[in-house]
PDB file of N, CA and C in Angstrom:
ATOM      1  N   MET A   1     162.810 -53.962  41.030  1.00  0.00           N
ATOM      2  CA  MET A   1     163.750 -53.881  41.879  1.00  0.00           C
ATOM      3  C   MET A   1     165.377 -53.656  41.118  1.00  0.00           C
ATOM      4  N   PRO A   2     165.981 -52.440  41.954  1.00  0.00           N
ATOM      5  CA  PRO A   2     167.330 -52.485  41.291  1.00  0.00           C
ATOM      6  C   PRO A   2     167.963 -53.704  41.137  1.00  0.00           C
ATOM      7  N   GLY A   3     168.682 -54.227  40.277  1.00  0.00           N
ATOM      8  CA  GLY A   3     169.630 -55.081  40.074  1.00  0.00           C
ATOM      9  C   GLY A   3     169.132 -55.704  39.012  1.00  0.00           C
ATOM     10  N   GLY A   4     167.693 -55.765  39.210  1.00  0.00           N
ATOM     11  CA  GLY A   4     166.881 -56.992  38.073  1.00  0.00           C
ATOM     12  C   GLY A   4     166.442 -56.082  36.453  1.00  0.00           C
ATOM     13  N   ARG A   5     166.459 -57.248  35.702  1.00  0.00           N
ATOM     14  CA  ARG A   5     166.020 -56.683  34.385  1.00  0.00           C
ATOM     15  C   ARG A   5     164.615 -55.884  34.301  1.00  0.00           C
ATOM     16  N   LEU A   6     165.011 -54.628  33.037  1.00  0.00           N
ATOM     17  CA  LEU A   6     163.825 -53.906  33.205  1.00  0.00           C
ATOM     18  C   LEU A   6     162.610 -54.734  32.616  1.00  0.00           C
ATOM     19  N   PRO A   7     161.802 -54.733  32.962  1.00  0.00           N
ATOM     20  CA  PRO A   7     160.385 -55.547  32.706  1.00  0.00           C
ATOM     21  C   PRO A   7     159.917 -54.925  31.323  1.00  0.00           C
ATOM     22  N   HIS A   8     159.473 -56.262  30.454  1.00  0.00           N
ATOM     23  CA  HIS A   8     159.291 -55.672  29.154  1.00  0.00           C
ATOM     24  C   HIS A   8     157.631 -55.190  29.470  1.00  0.00           C
ATOM     25  N   LEU A   9     157.261 -54.627  28.452  1.00  0.00           N
ATOM     26  CA  LEU A   9     155.932 -53.918  28.509  1.00  0.00           C
ATOM     27  C   LEU A   9     155.976 -53.667  26.944  1.00  0.00           C
ATOM     28  N   ARG A  10     154.871 -53.589  26.204  1.00  0.00           N
ATOM     29  CA  ARG A  10     154.496 -53.687  25.161  1.00  0.00           C
ATOM     30  C   ARG A  10     154.141 -51.952  25.032  1.00  0.00           C
ATOM     31  N   LEU A  11     154.207 -50.974  23.886  1.00  0.00           N
ATOM     32  CA  LEU A  11     154.066 -49.812  24.118  1.00  0.00           C
ATOM     33  C   LEU A  11     153.107 -49.493  23.576  1.00  0.00           C
ATOM     34  N   ALA A  12     152.080 -48.240  24.230  1.00  0.00           N
ATOM     35  CA  ALA A  12     150.995 -48.162  23.914  1.00  0.00           C
ATOM     36  C   ALA A  12     151.276 -47.092  22.375  1.00  0.00           C
ATOM     37  N   GLU A  13     151.902 -46.606  22.417  1.00  0.00           N
ATOM     38  CA  GLU A  13     152.429 -45.690  21.231  1.00  0.00           C
ATOM     39  C   GLU A  13     153.931 -45.442  21.640  1.00  0.00           C
ATOM     40  N   GLY A  14     154.160 -44.626  20.677  1.00  0.00           N
ATOM     41  CA  GLY A  14     155.912 -44.421  20.407  1.00  0.00           C
ATOM     42  C   GLY A  14     156.478 -44.598  19.049  1.00  0.00           C
ATOM     43  N   PRO A  15     157.554 -43.758  18.583  1.00  0.00           N
ATOM     44  CA  PRO A  15     157.789 -43.717  17.226  1.00  0.00           C
ATOM     45  C   PRO A  15     159.434 -44.644  17.649  1.00  0.00           C
ATOM     46  N   GLY A  16     158.791 -45.824  16.777  1.00  0.00           N
ATOM     47  CA  GLY A  16     160.166 -47.230  16.453  1.00  0.00           C
ATOM     48  C   GLY A  16     160.495 -47.912  17.576  1.00  0.00           C
ATOM     49  N   ALA A  17     159.690 -47.563  18.612  1.00  0.00           N
ATOM     50  CA  ALA A  17     159.728 -48.706  19.556  1.00  0.00           C
ATOM     51  C   ALA A  17     158.230 -49.148  20.050  1.00  0.00           C
ATOM     52  N   ALA A  18     158.741 -50.643  19.874  1.00  0.00           N
ATOM     53  CA  ALA A  18     157.835 -51.150  20.411  1.00  0.00           C
ATOM     54  C   ALA A  18     157.579 -51.988  21.931  1.00  0.00           C
ATOM     55  N   SER A  19     158.760 -51.780  22.609  1.00  0.00           N
ATOM     56  CA  SER A  19     158.505 -52.529  24.221  1.00  0.00           C
ATOM     57  C   SER A  19     158.982 -51.718  24.875  1.00  0.00           C
ATOM     58  N   THR A  20     159.127 -51.590  26.342  1.00  0.00           N
ATOM     59  CA  THR A  20     160.025 -50.424  26.947  1.00  0.00           C
ATOM     60  C   THR A  20     161.502 -51.152  26.765  1.00  0.00           C
ATOM     61  N   LEU A  21     161.909 -52.345  26.539  1.00  0.00           N
ATOM     62  CA  LEU A  21     163.432 -52.563  26.239  1.00  0.00           C
ATOM     63  C   LEU A  21     164.014 -51.822  24.995  1.00  0.00           C
ATOM     64  N   ASP A  22     163.141 -51.753  23.920  1.00  0.00           N
ATOM     65  CA  ASP A  22     163.391 -50.675  22.916  1.00  0.00           C
ATOM     66  C   ASP A  22     163.969 -49.324  23.359  1.00  0.00           C
ATOM     67  N   LEU A  23     163.686 -48.930  24.649  1.00  0.00           N
ATOM     68  CA  LEU A  23     163.729 -47.694  25.115  1.00  0.00           C
ATOM     69  C   LEU A  23     165.184 -47.392  25.555  1.00  0.00           C
ATOM     70  N   VAL A  24     165.883 -48.572  25.900  1.00  0.00           N
ATOM     71  CA  VAL A  24     167.111 -48.328  26.330  1.00  0.00           C
ATOM     72  C   VAL A  24     168.230 -48.398  25.496  1.00  0.00           C
ATOM     73  N   GLY A  25     169.254 -47.433  25.483  1.00  0.00           N
ATOM     74  CA  GLY A  25     169.983 -47.353  24.234  1.00  0.00           C
ATOM     75  C   GLY A  25     171.634 -47.549  25.248  1.00  0.00           C
ATOM     76  N   SER A  26     172.599 -47.194  24.653  1.00  0.00           N
ATOM     77  CA  SER A  26     173.914 -47.350  25.344  1.00  0.00           C
ATOM     78  C   SER A  26     174.462 -46.475  26.113  1.00  0.00           C
ATOM     79  N   GLY A  27     173.390 -45.421  26.531  1.00  0.00           N
ATOM     80  CA  GLY A  27     173.876 -45.013  28.097  1.00  0.00           C
ATOM     81  C   GLY A  27     172.522 -45.123  28.779  1.00  0.00           C
ATOM     82  N   PHE A  28     172.836 -44.319  30.105  1.00  0.00           N
ATOM     83  CA  PHE A  28     171.733 -44.680  30.931  1.00  0.00           C
ATOM     84  C   PHE A  28     170.402 -43.859  30.597  1.00  0.00           C
ATOM     85  N   THR A  29     169.245 -44.463  30.934  1.00  0.00           N
ATOM     86  CA  THR A  29     167.945 -44.293  30.021  1.00  0.00           C
ATOM     87  C   THR A  29     167.205 -43.811  31.438  1.00  0.00           C
ATOM     88  N   LEU A  30     166.462 -42.776  31.568  1.00  0.00           N
ATOM     89  CA  LEU A  30     165.560 -42.212  32.553  1.00  0.00           C
ATOM     90  C   LEU A  30     164.459 -42.561  31.894  1.00  0.00           C
ATOM     91  N   LEU A  31     163.525 -43.517  32.472  1.00  0.00           N
ATOM     92  CA  LEU A  31     161.957 -43.800  31.771  1.00  0.00           C
ATOM     93  C   LEU A  31     161.089 -43.197  33.087  1.00  0.00           C
ATOM     94  N   THR A  32     160.215 -42.263  32.807  1.00  0.00           N
ATOM     95  CA  THR A  32     159.615 -41.438  33.500  1.00  0.00           C
ATOM     96  C   THR A  32     158.320 -41.167  32.406  1.00  0.00           C
ATOM     97  N   PRO A  33     156.897 -40.879  33.051  1.00  0.00           N
ATOM     98  CA  PRO A  33     155.870 -40.567  32.215  1.00  0.00           C
ATOM     99  C   PRO A  33     156.177 -39.033  31.616  1.00  0.00           C
ATOM    100  N   ALA A  34     156.835 -37.955  32.414  1.00  0.00           N
ATOM    101  CA  ALA A  34     157.077 -36.893  31.842  1.00  0.00           C
ATOM    102  C   ALA A  34     158.534 -36.266  32.129  1.00  0.00           C
ATOM    103  N   PRO A  35     159.499 -36.890  30.914  1.00  0.00           N
ATOM    104  CA  PRO A  35     160.843 -36.049  31.264  1.00  0.00           C
ATOM    105  C   PRO A  35     160.818 -34.860  30.972  1.00  0.00           C
ATOM    106  N   ASP A  36     161.816 -33.947  31.975  1.00  0.00           N
ATOM    107  CA  ASP A  36     161.887 -32.801  31.549  1.00  0.00           C
ATOM    108  C   ASP A  36     163.846 -32.300  31.893  1.00  0.00           C
ATOM    109  N   ALA A  37     163.805 -30.974  32.482  1.00  0.00           N
ATOM    110  CA  ALA A  37     164.951 -30.907  32.930  1.00  0.00           C
ATOM    111  C   ALA A  37     165.735 -32.037  33.893  1.00  0.00           C
ATOM    112  N   ALA A  38     165.367 -32.634  34.481  1.00  0.00           N
ATOM    113  CA  ALA A  38     166.077 -33.338  35.486  1.00  0.00           C
ATOM    114  C   ALA A  38     167.323 -34.257  34.471  1.00  0.00           C
ATOM    115  N   ALA A  39     166.991 -34.330  33.514  1.00  0.00           N
ATOM    116  CA  ALA A  39     167.720 -35.072  32.848  1.00  0.00           C
ATOM    117  C   ALA A  39     168.608 -34.315  31.584  1.00  0.00           C
ATOM    118  N   ALA A  40     168.478 -33.156  31.740  1.00  0.00           N
ATOM    119  CA  ALA A  40     169.540 -32.130  31.062  1.00  0.00           C
ATOM    120  C   ALA A  40     170.825 -31.860  31.686  1.00  0.00           C
ATOM    121  N   ALA A  41     171.427 -30.679  31.051  1.00  0.00           N
ATOM    122  CA  ALA A  41     172.534 -30.309  31.588  1.00  0.00           C
ATOM    123  C   ALA A  41     173.908 -31.272  31.626  1.00  0.00           C
ATOM    124  N   GLY A  42     173.742 -31.871  30.514  1.00  0.00           N
ATOM    125  CA  GLY A  42     174.875 -32.731  29.816  1.00  0.00           C
ATOM    126  C   GLY A  42     175.047 -34.293  30.742  1.00  0.00           C
ATOM    127  N   LEU A  43     174.219 -34.120  31.360  1.00  0.00           N
ATOM    128  CA  LEU A  43     174.483 -35.519  32.112  1.00  0.00           C
ATOM    129  C   LEU A  43     174.354 -36.745  31.066  1.00  0.00           C
ATOM    130  N   PRO A  44     174.682 -38.029  31.369  1.00  0.00           N
ATOM    131  CA  PRO A  44     174.779 -38.973  30.202  1.00  0.00           C
ATOM    132  C   PRO A  44     173.782 -39.970  30.560  1.00  0.00           C
ATOM    133  N   VAL A  45     172.716 -39.040  30.501  1.00  0.00           N
ATOM    134  CA  VAL A  45     171.312 -39.622  30.349  1.00  0.00           C
ATOM    135  C   VAL A  45     170.086 -39.693  29.598  1.00  0.00           C
ATOM    136  N   ILE A  46     169.624 -40.400  29.190  1.00  0.00           N
ATOM    137  CA  ILE A  46     168.663 -40.068  28.313  1.00  0.00           C
ATOM    138  C   ILE A  46     167.193 -40.114  28.778  1.00  0.00           C
ATOM    139  N   PRO A  47     166.478 -39.008  28.874  1.00  0.00           N
ATOM    140  CA  PRO A  47     165.360 -39.248  29.001  1.00  0.00           C
ATOM    141  C   PRO A  47     164.492 -39.536  28.183  1.00  0.00           C
ATOM    142  N   ARG A  48     163.656 -40.708  28.611  1.00  0.00           N
ATOM    143  CA  ARG A  48     162.634 -41.259  27.885  1.00  0.00           C
ATOM    144  C   ARG A  48     161.304 -40.960  28.366  1.00  0.00           C
ATOM    145  N   PRO A  49     160.170 -40.901  27.618  1.00  0.00           N
ATOM    146  CA  PRO A  49     158.748 -41.043  28.380  1.00  0.00           C
ATOM    147  C   PRO A  49     158.375 -42.372  28.079  1.00  0.00           C
ATOM    148  N   VAL A  50     157.264 -42.792  29.393  1.00  0.00           N
ATOM    149  CA  VAL A  50     157.201 -43.918  28.880  1.00  0.00           C
ATOM    150  C   VAL A  50     155.640 -44.046  28.254  1.00  0.00           C
ATOM    151  N   PRO A  51     155.271 -44.104  27.220  1.00  0.00           N
ATOM    152  CA  PRO A  51     153.615 -44.254  26.849  1.00  0.00           C
ATOM    153  C   PRO A  51     153.102 -45.531  27.079  1.00  0.00           C
ATOM    154  N   VAL A  52     152.992 -45.955  28.015  1.00  0.00           N
ATOM    155  CA  VAL A  52     152.262 -47.092  28.706  1.00  0.00           C
ATOM    156  C   VAL A  52     151.010 -47.144  29.518  1.00  0.00           C
ATOM    157  N   ASP A  53     150.753 -48.263  29.495  1.00  0.00           N
ATOM    158  CA  ASP A  53     149.438 -48.624  30.325  1.00  0.00           C
ATOM    159  C   ASP A  53     149.920 -48.287  31.865  1.00  0.00           C
ATOM    160  N   ALA A  54     149.481 -46.964  32.520  1.00  0.00           N
ATOM    161  CA  ALA A  54     149.690 -46.595  33.841  1.00  0.00           C
ATOM    162  C   ALA A  54     149.801 -48.008  34.898  1.00  0.00           C
ATOM    163  N   PRO A  55     148.643 -48.210  34.831  1.00  0.00           N
ATOM    164  CA  PRO A  55     148.604 -49.865  36.532  1.00  0.00           C
ATOM    165  C   PRO A  55     149.432 -50.836  35.862  1.00  0.00           C
ATOM    166  N   ARG A  56     149.561 -51.081  34.846  1.00  0.00           N
ATOM    167  CA  ARG A  56     150.422 -52.093  34.672  1.00  0.00           C
ATOM    168  C   ARG A  56     151.933 -51.973  34.924  1.00  0.00           C
ATOM    169  N   TRP A  57     152.485 -50.700  34.039  1.00  0.00           N
ATOM    170  CA  TRP A  57     154.020 -50.176  34.058  1.00  0.00           C
ATOM    171  C   TRP A  57     154.241 -49.865  35.712  1.00  0.00           C
ATOM    172  N   ALA A  58     153.154 -49.290  36.319  1.00  0.00           N
ATOM    173  CA  ALA A  58     153.181 -49.098  37.974  1.00  0.00           C
ATOM    174  C   ALA A  58     153.508 -50.713  38.443  1.00  0.00           C
ATOM    175  N   ARG A  59     153.093 -51.631  38.520  1.00  0.00           N
ATOM    176  CA  ARG A  59     153.103 -52.840  38.762  1.00  0.00           C
ATOM    177  C   ARG A  59     154.606 -53.412  38.383  1.00  0.00           C
ATOM    178  N   LEU A  60     154.914 -53.546  37.370  1.00  0.00           N
ATOM    179  CA  LEU A  60     155.928 -54.369  36.818  1.00  0.00           C
ATOM    180  C   LEU A  60     156.767 -53.323  37.078  1.00  0.00           C
ATOM    181  N   SER A  61     156.853 -52.242  37.220  1.00  0.00           N
ATOM    182  CA  SER A  61     158.375 -51.461  37.519  1.00  0.00           C
ATOM    183  C   SER A  61     158.399 -51.241  38.942  1.00  0.00           C
ATOM    184  N   GLY A  62     157.309 -51.622  40.039  1.00  0.00           N
ATOM    185  CA  GLY A  62     157.741 -51.126  41.100  1.00  0.00           C
ATOM    186  C   GLY A  62     157.389 -49.756  41.524  1.00  0.00           C
ATOM    187  N   VAL A  63     157.200 -48.649  40.701  1.00  0.00           N
ATOM    188  CA  VAL A  63     156.905 -47.217  40.838  1.00  0.00           C
ATOM    189  C   VAL A  63     155.678 -46.652  40.595  1.00  0.00           C
ATOM    190  N   PRO A  64     154.871 -46.038  41.193  1.00  0.00           N
ATOM    191  CA  PRO A  64     153.944 -44.947  41.032  1.00  0.00           C
ATOM    192  C   PRO A  64     153.993 -44.685  39.197  1.00  0.00           C
ATOM    193  N   ALA A  65     152.654 -44.639  39.033  1.00  0.00           N
ATOM    194  CA  ALA A  65     152.863 -44.183  37.348  1.00  0.00           C
ATOM    195  C   ALA A  65     153.352 -42.629  37.123  1.00  0.00           C
ATOM    196  N   THR A  66     153.633 -41.929  38.359  1.00  0.00           N
ATOM    197  CA  THR A  66     154.117 -40.704  38.183  1.00  0.00           C
ATOM    198  C   THR A  66     155.442 -40.939  38.633  1.00  0.00           C
ATOM    199  N   GLY A  67     156.270 -42.111  38.537  1.00  0.00           N
ATOM    200  CA  GLY A  67     157.713 -42.584  39.395  1.00  0.00           C
ATOM    201  C   GLY A  67     158.536 -42.443  38.061  1.00  0.00           C
ATOM    202  N   ALA A  68     160.111 -42.741  38.567  1.00  0.00           N
ATOM    203  CA  ALA A  68     160.960 -42.982  37.743  1.00  0.00           C
ATOM    204  C   ALA A  68     162.031 -43.724  37.763  1.00  0.00           C
ATOM    205  N   VAL A  69     162.323 -44.660  36.628  1.00  0.00           N
ATOM    206  CA  VAL A  69     162.956 -45.878  36.770  1.00  0.00           C
ATOM    207  C   VAL A  69     164.543 -45.172  36.048  1.00  0.00           C
ATOM    208  N   LEU A  70     165.588 -45.442  36.782  1.00  0.00           N
ATOM    209  CA  LEU A  70     166.587 -45.575  35.515  1.00  0.00           C
ATOM    210  C   LEU A  70     167.612 -46.937  35.142  1.00  0.00           C
ATOM    211  N   VAL A  71     167.807 -47.274  33.905  1.00  0.00           N
ATOM    212  CA  VAL A  71     168.225 -48.155  33.695  1.00  0.00           C
ATOM    213  C   VAL A  71     169.203 -48.254  32.868  1.00  0.00           C
ATOM    214  N   ARG A  72     170.501 -49.013  33.354  1.00  0.00           N
ATOM    215  CA  ARG A  72     171.674 -49.280  33.011  1.00  0.00           C
ATOM    216  C   ARG A  72     171.830 -49.251  30.955  1.00  0.00           C
ATOM    217  N   PRO A  73     172.873 -49.242  30.808  1.00  0.00           N
ATOM    218  CA  PRO A  73     173.016 -49.841  29.497  1.00  0.00           C
ATOM    219  C   PRO A  73     172.530 -51.052  29.090  1.00  0.00           C
ATOM    220  N   ASP A  74     173.251 -52.034  29.893  1.00  0.00           N
ATOM    221  CA  ASP A  74     172.763 -53.540  30.062  1.00  0.00           C
ATOM    222  C   ASP A  74     171.349 -54.093  30.109  1.00  0.00           C
ATOM    223  N   GLY A  75     170.584 -52.615  30.439  1.00  0.00           N
ATOM    224  CA  GLY A  75     169.127 -53.188  30.388  1.00  0.00           C
ATOM    225  C   GLY A  75     168.497 -53.209  31.890  1.00  0.00           C
ATOM    226  N   HIS A  76     169.498 -53.350  33.007  1.00  0.00           N
ATOM    227  CA  HIS A  76     169.578 -53.768  34.388  1.00  0.00           C
ATOM    228  C   HIS A  76     168.907 -52.364  34.968  1.00  0.00           C
ATOM    229  N   LEU A  77     167.718 -52.590  35.942  1.00  0.00           N
ATOM    230  CA  LEU A  77     167.251 -51.255  36.707  1.00  0.00           C
ATOM    231  C   LEU A  77     168.491 -50.693  37.678  1.00  0.00           C
ATOM    232  N   ALA A  78     169.044 -49.749  37.863  1.00  0.00           N
ATOM    233  CA  ALA A  78     169.842 -49.045  38.527  1.00  0.00           C
ATOM    234  C   ALA A  78     169.022 -48.132  39.725  1.00  0.00           C
ATOM    235  N   TRP A  79     168.121 -47.856  39.534  1.00  0.00           N
ATOM    236  CA  TRP A  79     167.700 -46.800  40.966  1.00  0.00           C
ATOM    237  C   TRP A  79     165.763 -46.870  40.204  1.00  0.00           C
ATOM    238  N   ARG A  80     165.138 -46.600  41.157  1.00  0.00           N
ATOM    239  CA  ARG A  80     163.808 -46.244  40.829  1.00  0.00           C
ATOM    240  C   ARG A  80     163.127 -45.150  41.937  1.00  0.00           C
ATOM    241  N   ALA A  81     162.479 -44.596  41.687  1.00  0.00           N
ATOM    242  CA  ALA A  81     161.719 -43.637  42.869  1.00  0.00           C
ATOM    243  C   ALA A  81     159.951 -43.354  42.758  1.00  0.00           C
ATOM    244  N   PRO A  82     159.599 -42.942  43.777  1.00  0.00           N
ATOM    245  CA  PRO A  82     157.884 -42.731  43.074  1.00  0.00           C
ATOM    246  C   PRO A  82     157.851 -41.019  42.533  1.00  0.00           C
ATOM    247  N   HIS A  83     159.070 -40.804  42.496  1.00  0.00           N
ATOM    248  CA  HIS A  83     158.747 -39.386  41.566  1.00  0.00           C
ATOM    249  C   HIS A  83     160.357 -39.310  40.713  1.00  0.00           C
ATOM    250  N   PRO A  84     160.089 -38.331  39.898  1.00  0.00           N
ATOM    251  CA  PRO A  84     161.598 -38.115  38.768  1.00  0.00           C
ATOM    252  C   PRO A  84     162.356 -37.256  40.030  1.00  0.00           C
ATOM    253  N   PRO A  85     163.438 -36.965  39.649  1.00  0.00           N
ATOM    254  CA  PRO A  85     164.468 -36.333  40.222  1.00  0.00           C
ATOM    255  C   PRO A  85     163.916 -35.231  40.174  1.00  0.00           C
ATOM    256  N   ALA A  86     164.177 -34.090  41.027  1.00  0.00           N
ATOM    257  CA  ALA A  86     163.982 -32.845  40.979  1.00  0.00           C
ATOM    258  C   ALA A  86     164.380 -31.825  39.661  1.00  0.00           C
ATOM    259  N   ASP A  87     165.549 -32.263  39.655  1.00  0.00           N
ATOM    260  CA  ASP A  87     166.757 -31.497  38.718  1.00  0.00           C
ATOM    261  C   ASP A  87     167.966 -32.474  38.342  1.00  0.00           C
ATOM    262  N   ALA A  88     168.572 -31.305  37.629  1.00  0.00           N
ATOM    263  CA  ALA A  88     169.837 -32.470  37.108  1.00  0.00           C
ATOM    264  C   ALA A  88     170.711 -32.404  38.380  1.00  0.00           C
ATOM    265  N   ALA A  89     170.766 -31.607  39.368  1.00  0.00           N
ATOM    266  CA  ALA A  89     171.863 -31.980  40.028  1.00  0.00           C
ATOM    267  C   ALA A  89     171.326 -33.244  41.548  1.00  0.00           C
ATOM    268  N   ALA A  90     169.790 -33.396  41.399  1.00  0.00           N
ATOM    269  CA  ALA A  90     169.171 -34.329  42.074  1.00  0.00           C
ATOM    270  C   ALA A  90     169.609 -35.425  41.152  1.00  0.00           C
ATOM    271  N   LEU A  91     169.529 -35.790  40.023  1.00  0.00           N
ATOM    272  CA  LEU A  91     170.003 -36.578  38.807  1.00  0.00           C
ATOM    273  C   LEU A  91     171.458 -36.925  39.127  1.00  0.00           C
ATOM    274  N   LEU A  92     172.382 -35.937  39.113  1.00  0.00           N
ATOM    275  CA  LEU A  92     173.756 -36.189  39.221  1.00  0.00           C
ATOM    276  C   LEU A  92     173.976 -37.139  40.373  1.00  0.00           C
ATOM    277  N   GLY A  93     173.198 -36.729  42.039  1.00  0.00           N
ATOM    278  CA  GLY A  93     173.758 -37.346  42.963  1.00  0.00           C
ATOM    279  C   GLY A  93     173.165 -38.711  43.059  1.00  0.00           C
ATOM    280  N   VAL A  94     172.197 -39.116  42.319  1.00  0.00           N
ATOM    281  CA  VAL A  94     171.623 -40.334  42.010  1.00  0.00           C
ATOM    282  C   VAL A  94     172.486 -41.220  41.242  1.00  0.00           C
ATOM    283  N   LEU A  95     173.518 -40.849  39.819  1.00  0.00           N
ATOM    284  CA  LEU A  95     174.493 -41.317  39.411  1.00  0.00           C
ATOM    285  C   LEU A  95     175.333 -41.180  40.177  1.00  0.00           C
ATOM    286  N   ARG A  96     176.111 -40.790  41.043  1.00  0.00           N
ATOM    287  CA  ARG A  96     177.101 -40.568  42.039  1.00  0.00           C
ATOM    288  C   ARG A  96     176.966 -42.118  42.665  1.00  0.00           C
ATOM    289  N   ARG A  97     175.943 -42.238  43.631  1.00  0.00           N
ATOM    290  CA  ARG A  97     175.704 -42.972  44.411  1.00  0.00           C
ATOM    291  C   ARG A  97     175.833 -44.432  43.760  1.00  0.00           C
ATOM    292  N   ILE A  98     175.072 -44.727  42.727  1.00  0.00           N
ATOM    293  CA  ILE A  98     174.776 -46.181  41.864  1.00  0.00           C
ATOM    294  C   ILE A  98     176.339 -46.190  41.089  1.00  0.00           C
ATOM    295  N   LEU A  99     177.169 -45.429  40.873  1.00  0.00           N
ATOM    296  CA  LEU A  99     178.268 -45.323  40.365  1.00  0.00           C
ATOM    297  C   LEU A  99     179.604 -45.369  41.101  1.00  0.00           C
ATOM    298  N   SER A 100     179.402 -45.229  42.377  1.00  0.00           N
ATOM    299  CA  SER A 100     180.345 -45.621  43.762  1.00  0.00           C
ATOM    300  C   SER A 100     180.382 -46.998  43.882  1.00  0.00           C
ATOM    301  N   ALA A 101     181.816 -47.368  44.565  1.00  0.00           N
ATOM    302  CA  ALA A 101     181.781 -48.817  44.731  1.00  0.00           C
ATOM    303  C   ALA A 101     181.141 -49.645  45.588  1.00  0.00           C
ATOM    304  N   ASP A 102     181.111 -48.476  47.001  1.00  0.00           N
ATOM    305  CA  ASP A 102     180.021 -48.802  47.974  1.00  0.00           C
ATOM    306  C   ASP A 102     178.561 -48.347  47.658  1.00  0.00           C
ATOM    307  N   GLY A 103     178.005 -47.424  47.140  1.00  0.00           N
ATOM    308  CA  GLY A 103     176.657 -47.440  46.962  1.00  0.00           C
ATOM    309  C   GLY A 103     176.542 -46.102  47.774  1.00  0.00           C
ATOM    310  N   ALA A 104     177.704 -45.575  48.122  1.00  0.00           N
ATOM    311  CA  ALA A 104     177.808 -44.037  48.893  1.00  0.00           C
ATOM    312  C   ALA A 104     177.867 -42.785  48.298  1.00  0.00           C
ATOM    313  N   ALA A 105     177.873 -41.561  48.170  1.00  0.00           N
ATOM    314  CA  ALA A 105     178.094 -40.768  47.052  1.00  0.00           C
ATOM    315  C   ALA A 105     179.681 -40.460  47.503  1.00  0.00           C
ATOM    316  N   PRO A 106     180.690 -40.238  46.126  1.00  0.00           N
ATOM    317  CA  PRO A 106     182.103 -39.868  46.257  1.00  0.00           C
ATOM    318  C   PRO A 106     182.472 -38.933  47.020  1.00  0.00           C
ATOM    319  N   PRO A 107     182.775 -38.657  48.062  1.00  0.00           N
ATOM    320  CA  PRO A 107     183.648 -37.037  48.466  1.00  0.00           C
ATOM    321  C   PRO A 107     183.826 -36.025  47.494  1.00  0.00           C
ATOM    322  N   ARG A 108     182.949 -34.614  47.860  1.00  0.00           N
ATOM    323  CA  ARG A 108     183.343 -33.557  47.671  1.00  0.00           C
ATOM    324  C   ARG A 108     184.871 -33.331  47.337  1.00  0.00           C
ATOM    325  N   ARG A 109     185.113 -32.559  46.474  1.00  0.00           N
ATOM    326  CA  ARG A 109     186.415 -32.239  46.327  1.00  0.00           C
ATOM    327  C   ARG A 109     186.562 -30.922  46.353  1.00  0.00           C
TER     328      ARG A 109
END
């Protein structure tokens, strides 16, 4: 659930990481089975694949195996969805919503 801590799950494989907790860095981290262009375009988000047991990940994260979880630098969940953002613009919209004080997207200028 957003606001909660990222669940620990031992990784099935992955260079230098033993747990989902090891995937979180100093910026926002997008965990999804297939990170792609959604986290590109210079956004402050690090895309990371989640090479774990899909049914267990789905149960612990609250998203299906095809879903996406955005993690804050402090290891708390910022956002989750059944599918990753479609592109960088969609991911930017998510970031704007979660970073605004009232949860609404800031007005466009």
